[in-house]
Protein backbone atom coordinates (compact mmCIF):
# COMPACT_ATOMS: atom_id res chain seq x y z
CA UNK A 1 65.12 -52.56 175.63
CA UNK A 2 63.95 -51.54 172.17
CA UNK A 3 60.28 -52.23 172.91
CA UNK A 4 60.45 -50.18 176.15
CA UNK A 5 61.91 -47.14 174.35
CA UNK A 6 59.13 -47.33 171.79
CA UNK A 7 56.52 -47.39 174.57
CA UNK A 8 57.97 -44.30 176.22
CA UNK A 9 57.90 -42.35 172.97
CA UNK A 10 54.27 -43.22 172.36
CA UNK A 11 53.40 -42.14 175.90
CA UNK A 12 55.22 -38.82 175.47
CA UNK A 13 53.41 -37.98 172.22
CA UNK A 14 50.10 -38.81 173.88
CA UNK A 15 50.78 -36.25 176.64
CA UNK A 16 51.68 -33.56 174.13
CA UNK A 17 48.52 -34.18 172.11
CA UNK A 18 46.42 -34.05 175.24
CA UNK A 19 48.00 -30.73 176.23
CA UNK A 20 47.24 -29.24 172.81
CA UNK A 21 43.61 -30.32 173.05
CA UNK A 22 43.26 -28.76 176.50
CA UNK A 23 44.83 -25.43 175.45
CA UNK A 24 42.74 -25.28 172.28
CA UNK A 25 39.59 -25.51 174.40
CA UNK A 26 40.71 -22.53 176.52
CA UNK A 27 41.32 -24.56 179.65
CA UNK A 28 44.62 -23.84 181.44
CA UNK A 29 46.59 -26.36 183.38
CA UNK A 30 48.33 -25.25 186.52
CA UNK A 31 51.54 -23.43 185.72
CA UNK A 32 50.63 -22.95 182.03
CA UNK A 33 51.07 -19.49 180.45
CA UNK A 34 47.82 -17.48 180.06
CA UNK A 35 46.17 -17.48 176.64
CA UNK A 36 46.76 -14.31 174.64
CA UNK A 37 43.82 -11.88 174.37
CA UNK A 38 41.93 -11.99 171.08
CA UNK A 39 43.81 -10.24 168.32
CA UNK A 40 47.13 -9.97 170.19
CA UNK A 41 50.38 -11.84 170.02
CA UNK A 42 52.10 -13.82 172.75
CA UNK A 43 54.18 -13.57 174.82
CA UNK A 44 54.02 -9.79 175.08
CA UNK A 45 57.42 -8.25 175.61
CA UNK A 46 59.19 -10.63 173.26
CA UNK A 47 60.92 -9.21 170.17
CA UNK A 48 58.12 -10.54 167.98
CA UNK A 49 55.38 -9.19 170.23
CA UNK A 50 56.20 -5.69 171.50
CA UNK A 51 52.57 -4.64 172.13
CA UNK A 52 50.34 -2.42 170.06
CA UNK A 53 48.50 0.93 170.26
CA UNK A 54 45.60 1.91 167.98
CA UNK A 55 43.39 5.00 167.61
CA UNK A 56 39.84 5.20 166.25
CA UNK A 57 38.84 7.09 164.15
CA UNK A 58 41.98 7.69 162.13
CA UNK A 59 40.88 11.21 161.15
CA UNK A 60 39.38 13.46 163.80
CA UNK A 61 38.41 17.07 164.39
CA UNK A 62 39.72 19.29 167.14
CA UNK A 63 37.55 18.89 170.22
CA UNK A 64 36.32 15.46 169.10
CA UNK A 65 36.86 12.16 170.87
CA UNK A 66 39.29 9.45 169.85
CA UNK A 67 39.45 5.98 171.39
CA UNK A 68 42.91 4.71 172.29
CA UNK A 69 43.30 0.95 172.72
CA UNK A 70 46.57 -0.72 173.58
CA UNK A 71 47.99 -3.92 174.98
CA UNK A 72 51.33 -5.18 176.25
CA UNK A 73 51.33 -3.53 179.67
CA UNK A 74 51.57 -5.24 183.01
CA UNK A 75 48.21 -5.78 184.66
CA UNK A 76 47.34 -2.80 186.85
CA UNK A 77 50.32 -0.75 185.65
CA UNK A 78 50.03 3.02 185.44
CA UNK A 79 50.12 4.15 181.80
CA UNK A 80 50.71 7.76 180.81
CA UNK A 81 49.39 8.83 177.41
CA UNK A 82 50.96 11.91 175.87
CA UNK A 83 48.52 13.62 173.52
CA UNK A 84 49.49 15.10 170.15
CA UNK A 85 52.89 16.16 171.43
CA UNK A 86 51.29 19.04 173.29
CA UNK A 87 51.53 19.73 177.00
CA UNK A 88 48.75 17.30 177.91
CA UNK A 89 49.01 13.90 179.55
CA UNK A 90 46.27 11.37 180.33
CA UNK A 91 46.86 8.81 183.07
CA UNK A 92 45.11 5.45 183.00
CA UNK A 93 45.74 1.96 184.39
CA UNK A 94 46.10 -1.29 182.52
CA UNK A 95 43.25 -3.71 183.02
CA UNK A 96 43.45 -6.71 185.26
CA UNK A 97 41.51 -9.92 185.00
CA UNK A 98 40.30 -11.22 181.63
CA UNK A 99 41.70 -8.17 179.76
CA UNK A 100 44.92 -7.98 181.73
CA UNK A 101 47.47 -5.61 180.26
CA UNK A 102 45.02 -3.76 177.99
CA UNK A 103 44.13 -0.06 178.06
CA UNK A 104 40.96 1.42 176.56
CA UNK A 105 40.34 5.13 176.99
CA UNK A 106 38.51 7.99 175.26
CA UNK A 107 40.57 11.15 174.78
CA UNK A 108 39.48 14.58 173.55
CA UNK A 109 41.65 16.10 170.84
CA UNK A 110 42.98 19.40 172.22
CA UNK A 111 41.71 22.61 170.64
CA UNK A 112 45.32 23.69 170.18
CA UNK A 113 46.39 20.49 168.45
CA UNK A 114 48.37 21.20 165.31
CA UNK A 115 46.55 20.27 162.12
CA UNK A 116 47.87 17.17 160.45
CA UNK A 117 49.42 14.11 162.10
CA UNK A 118 48.77 13.86 165.86
CA UNK A 119 50.96 11.37 167.70
CA UNK A 120 49.81 9.54 170.84
CA UNK A 121 52.51 8.00 173.02
CA UNK A 122 51.56 5.53 175.76
CA UNK A 123 54.27 4.67 178.26
CA UNK A 124 54.12 2.32 181.25
CA UNK A 125 55.47 -0.89 182.73
CA UNK A 126 55.26 -3.71 180.22
CA UNK A 127 54.27 -7.30 180.81
CA UNK A 128 57.97 -8.20 180.80
CA UNK A 129 58.60 -5.73 183.67
CA UNK A 130 60.39 -3.38 181.28
CA UNK A 131 59.24 0.12 180.32
CA UNK A 132 56.95 -0.22 177.31
CA UNK A 133 56.47 2.73 174.93
CA UNK A 134 53.80 2.47 172.24
CA UNK A 135 52.76 5.08 169.65
CA UNK A 136 49.94 5.62 167.19
CA UNK A 137 48.92 8.55 165.00
CA UNK A 138 45.66 10.17 163.91
CA UNK A 139 45.09 12.97 161.46
CA UNK A 140 43.70 16.15 163.02
CA UNK A 141 41.54 18.25 160.71
CA UNK A 142 39.15 21.20 160.98
CA UNK A 143 35.78 21.85 159.42
CA UNK A 144 35.56 24.36 156.60
CA UNK A 145 33.07 26.89 155.33
CA UNK A 146 32.62 27.47 151.62
CA UNK A 147 31.02 30.67 150.34
CA UNK A 148 29.92 31.18 146.72
CA UNK A 149 29.27 34.64 145.28
CA UNK A 150 27.85 35.56 141.89
CA UNK A 151 28.86 38.78 140.16
CA UNK A 152 25.38 38.91 138.61
CA UNK A 153 22.15 37.22 139.59
CA UNK A 154 20.87 37.47 136.01
CA UNK A 155 22.64 37.06 132.67
CA UNK A 156 21.48 36.81 129.08
CA UNK A 157 21.83 33.62 127.13
CA UNK A 158 25.01 33.82 125.07
CA UNK A 159 26.45 36.47 127.36
CA UNK A 160 27.22 34.22 130.33
CA UNK A 161 30.87 35.26 130.19
CA UNK A 162 30.00 38.33 132.26
CA UNK A 163 29.23 36.01 135.19
CA UNK A 164 32.16 35.60 137.57
CA UNK A 165 31.73 32.87 140.17
CA UNK A 166 33.91 33.56 143.22
CA UNK A 167 34.55 31.14 146.07
CA UNK A 168 36.17 31.57 149.48
CA UNK A 169 36.98 28.58 151.70
CA UNK A 170 37.87 29.21 155.33
CA UNK A 171 38.64 26.75 158.15
CA UNK A 172 36.53 27.11 161.25
CA UNK A 173 38.44 28.17 164.35
CA UNK A 174 41.82 28.19 162.64
CA UNK A 175 44.05 30.52 160.67
CA UNK A 176 45.13 27.66 158.45
CA UNK A 177 44.88 28.50 154.73
CA UNK A 178 42.96 25.78 152.88
CA UNK A 179 44.22 24.33 149.63
CA UNK A 180 42.59 21.93 147.19
CA UNK A 181 39.94 21.93 144.50
CA UNK A 182 36.50 23.52 144.21
CA UNK A 183 33.79 22.40 141.82
CA UNK A 184 30.79 24.57 141.00
CA UNK A 185 27.68 22.67 140.00
CA UNK A 186 24.09 23.12 138.97
CA UNK A 187 22.39 19.93 140.13
CA UNK A 188 24.57 17.22 138.53
CA UNK A 189 26.04 19.51 135.86
CA UNK A 190 29.60 20.70 136.48
CA UNK A 191 30.00 24.32 135.44
CA UNK A 192 33.67 24.75 136.31
CA UNK A 193 36.49 23.43 138.50
CA UNK A 194 39.49 25.31 139.86
CA UNK A 195 42.29 25.09 142.40
CA UNK A 196 42.30 27.36 145.43
CA UNK A 197 44.98 29.99 145.87
CA UNK A 198 45.23 31.40 149.41
CA UNK A 199 41.81 29.91 150.12
CA UNK A 200 40.14 31.66 147.17
CA UNK A 201 39.32 30.99 143.54
CA UNK A 202 36.98 31.94 140.72
CA UNK A 203 35.84 30.99 137.25
CA UNK A 204 33.75 32.41 134.41
CA UNK A 205 30.71 30.74 132.90
CA UNK A 206 31.08 29.67 129.31
CA UNK A 207 28.60 30.94 126.71
CA UNK A 208 25.39 28.91 126.34
CA UNK A 209 26.48 26.57 129.18
CA UNK A 210 22.98 26.68 130.64
CA UNK A 211 19.67 26.92 128.77
CA UNK A 212 17.29 29.76 129.49
CA UNK A 213 15.83 29.34 132.97
CA UNK A 214 16.54 29.75 136.69
CA UNK A 215 19.22 27.68 138.42
CA UNK A 216 20.65 27.05 141.87
CA UNK A 217 24.42 26.88 141.94
CA UNK A 218 26.59 25.40 144.69
CA UNK A 219 30.35 25.34 145.26
CA UNK A 220 31.79 22.09 146.61
CA UNK A 221 35.19 22.12 148.31
CA UNK A 222 36.76 18.69 148.14
CA UNK A 223 38.78 19.11 151.32
CA UNK A 224 42.44 18.33 151.99
CA UNK A 225 44.48 16.30 154.41
CA UNK A 226 43.91 18.88 157.15
CA UNK A 227 40.59 20.52 156.25
CA UNK A 228 37.22 18.82 155.88
CA UNK A 229 35.17 19.20 152.70
CA UNK A 230 32.17 21.55 152.64
CA UNK A 231 29.42 22.77 150.33
CA UNK A 232 28.24 26.36 149.99
CA UNK A 233 24.71 27.61 150.29
CA UNK A 234 22.76 27.71 147.03
CA UNK A 235 22.97 30.85 144.92
CA UNK A 236 20.29 31.58 142.31
CA UNK A 237 21.25 32.43 138.75
CA UNK A 238 18.72 33.37 136.07
CA UNK A 239 19.62 32.94 132.42
CA UNK A 240 17.32 35.26 130.47
CA UNK A 241 16.58 35.24 126.76
CA UNK A 242 19.39 36.28 124.46
CA UNK A 243 19.60 39.83 123.18
CA UNK A 244 18.94 40.30 119.47
CA UNK A 245 19.94 43.07 117.10
CA UNK A 246 17.77 44.10 114.16
CA UNK A 247 19.07 46.11 111.18
CA UNK A 248 16.85 47.59 108.46
CA UNK A 249 18.22 48.63 105.06
CA UNK A 250 16.45 50.41 102.19
CA UNK A 251 17.43 49.73 98.58
CA UNK A 252 16.54 53.36 97.82
CA UNK A 253 16.16 56.34 100.07
CA UNK A 254 13.77 58.00 97.56
CA UNK A 255 11.03 56.60 95.33
CA UNK A 256 8.31 58.22 93.23
CA UNK A 257 4.68 57.92 94.12
CA UNK A 258 3.16 54.97 92.25
CA UNK A 259 6.56 53.40 91.70
CA UNK A 260 7.20 52.20 95.23
CA UNK A 261 7.72 48.56 94.12
CA UNK A 262 11.33 49.35 93.36
CA UNK A 263 11.90 49.76 97.09
CA UNK A 264 13.27 46.58 98.68
CA UNK A 265 13.27 46.58 102.46
CA UNK A 266 15.90 44.16 103.83
CA UNK A 267 16.18 43.03 107.42
CA UNK A 268 18.95 41.19 109.29
CA UNK A 269 18.42 39.83 112.81
CA UNK A 270 21.50 38.62 114.67
CA UNK A 271 22.44 37.69 118.24
CA UNK A 272 24.16 40.50 120.09
CA UNK A 273 26.44 37.89 121.61
CA UNK A 274 27.17 34.25 120.83
CA UNK A 275 24.13 32.21 119.92
CA UNK A 276 22.15 30.37 117.25
CA UNK A 277 20.68 32.20 114.26
CA UNK A 278 17.42 33.92 115.27
CA UNK A 279 14.14 32.83 113.74
CA UNK A 280 10.70 34.38 113.85
CA UNK A 281 8.72 37.29 112.40
CA UNK A 282 9.69 40.86 111.55
CA UNK A 283 7.23 43.68 111.02
CA UNK A 284 8.21 46.90 109.21
CA UNK A 285 6.19 49.96 110.17
CA UNK A 286 5.91 53.64 109.56
CA UNK A 287 4.57 55.02 112.84
CA UNK A 288 1.52 52.79 113.52
CA UNK A 289 1.10 51.76 109.90
CA UNK A 290 2.32 48.30 108.95
CA UNK A 291 4.29 48.48 105.73
CA UNK A 292 4.95 44.72 105.44
CA UNK A 293 5.51 41.59 107.50
CA UNK A 294 8.32 39.08 107.00
CA UNK A 295 6.97 35.82 108.41
CA UNK A 296 10.03 33.65 107.95
CA UNK A 297 13.66 34.57 108.39
CA UNK A 298 16.23 32.58 106.47
CA UNK A 299 19.56 32.49 108.30
CA UNK A 300 18.40 35.55 110.20
CA UNK A 301 17.52 37.52 107.06
CA UNK A 302 14.37 38.54 105.18
CA UNK A 303 12.95 41.21 102.85
CA UNK A 304 9.80 42.64 101.40
CA UNK A 305 8.74 45.11 98.69
CA UNK A 306 6.65 48.24 99.09
CA UNK A 307 3.27 48.20 97.39
CA UNK A 308 2.33 50.93 94.94
CA UNK A 309 0.59 54.01 96.34
CA UNK A 310 1.29 52.85 99.88
CA UNK A 311 2.28 56.37 100.91
CA UNK A 312 1.29 59.76 99.66
CA UNK A 313 4.24 61.96 98.74
CA UNK A 314 6.22 62.89 101.82
CA UNK A 315 9.04 61.87 104.12
CA UNK A 316 8.67 58.79 106.32
CA UNK A 317 10.63 57.02 109.05
CA UNK A 318 10.56 53.25 108.80
CA UNK A 319 11.50 50.78 111.53
CA UNK A 320 11.74 46.99 111.60
CA UNK A 321 10.59 45.16 114.75
CA UNK A 322 11.64 41.58 115.44
CA UNK A 323 9.12 39.77 117.62
CA UNK A 324 11.60 37.39 119.25
CA UNK A 325 11.22 33.65 119.94
CA UNK A 326 11.85 31.18 122.74
CA UNK A 327 15.58 31.99 122.72
CA UNK A 328 15.71 35.68 121.78
CA UNK A 329 14.09 38.82 123.05
CA UNK A 330 12.57 41.05 120.39
CA UNK A 331 14.39 44.13 119.10
CA UNK A 332 13.74 47.18 116.95
CA UNK A 333 15.98 48.64 114.29
CA UNK A 334 17.13 52.20 114.00
CA UNK A 335 14.87 54.45 111.90
CA UNK A 336 15.52 54.62 108.18
CA UNK A 337 14.20 57.60 106.19
CA UNK A 338 12.21 57.09 102.98
CA UNK A 339 11.11 59.94 100.76
CA UNK A 340 8.14 59.45 98.44
CA UNK A 341 8.22 62.04 95.61
CA UNK A 342 5.45 63.30 93.34
């Protein structure tokens, strides 16, 4: 009897192995359960395989299409899909044949869908002849429009603080108030970043942030969970040369004719606002007559001495004119009065 029992066991194992080989090749024997569709579990309707519903894409705009795919329904069953918890229902039918029990449908996101999570609920007869309810969620967002405004289209180098950059972000077709962060850039250079308050925000340029020249600024809204990001149109900003200030001082307001060398004419050139020390040339004149020229400023200062017999006795108004450089515009001092006596 022992040998017979051993033979039966070997025969039974052989049948099981043969069955596994057949099922692995996709061939079904009569009465065998159908193979599960690719990517699904089996058997649908069991506690470990309740079916599944997915939505693509996961973030979508109002009025856009989303594809809903689900499985676990009975072949040919009517499936009602409730959209975004609004008063809208889509009716479809579960596939039969090779894709039995699957649904695959394109649905338009309603224009009145609430921004944020949008829940889809599919309900129909399941493969286990019980009502099957499946859910999935997408994020509904709206496009935005970002507008950048400059308080001035032109500023002087060193005086950029007068430039206020204002931004307004508004959702399109919605009264929703955007939140999030805005970055203002010139090419790849970040000029400032701020957080929106009631959809608006602003910042001030820092002094000497941009060299002298013409620039195109844009505001970039980073978006939020409910509102898409957007970039403003370009706004042109010109940074002009810095403004200089020239001051002339006389060591004496009166000199005698022939003794003019005692007169020292001192000049100081400084930026009107923040900026580096000006360099360049200063010319001191009386009307159209050049009194002297200071060719090199040291820390924005220079001086010269009157030459003897430069003026006949009389009263003269002297001015110092700074010629400017690549950073500074030129400037002229106030008039200083010099009397030449007999």
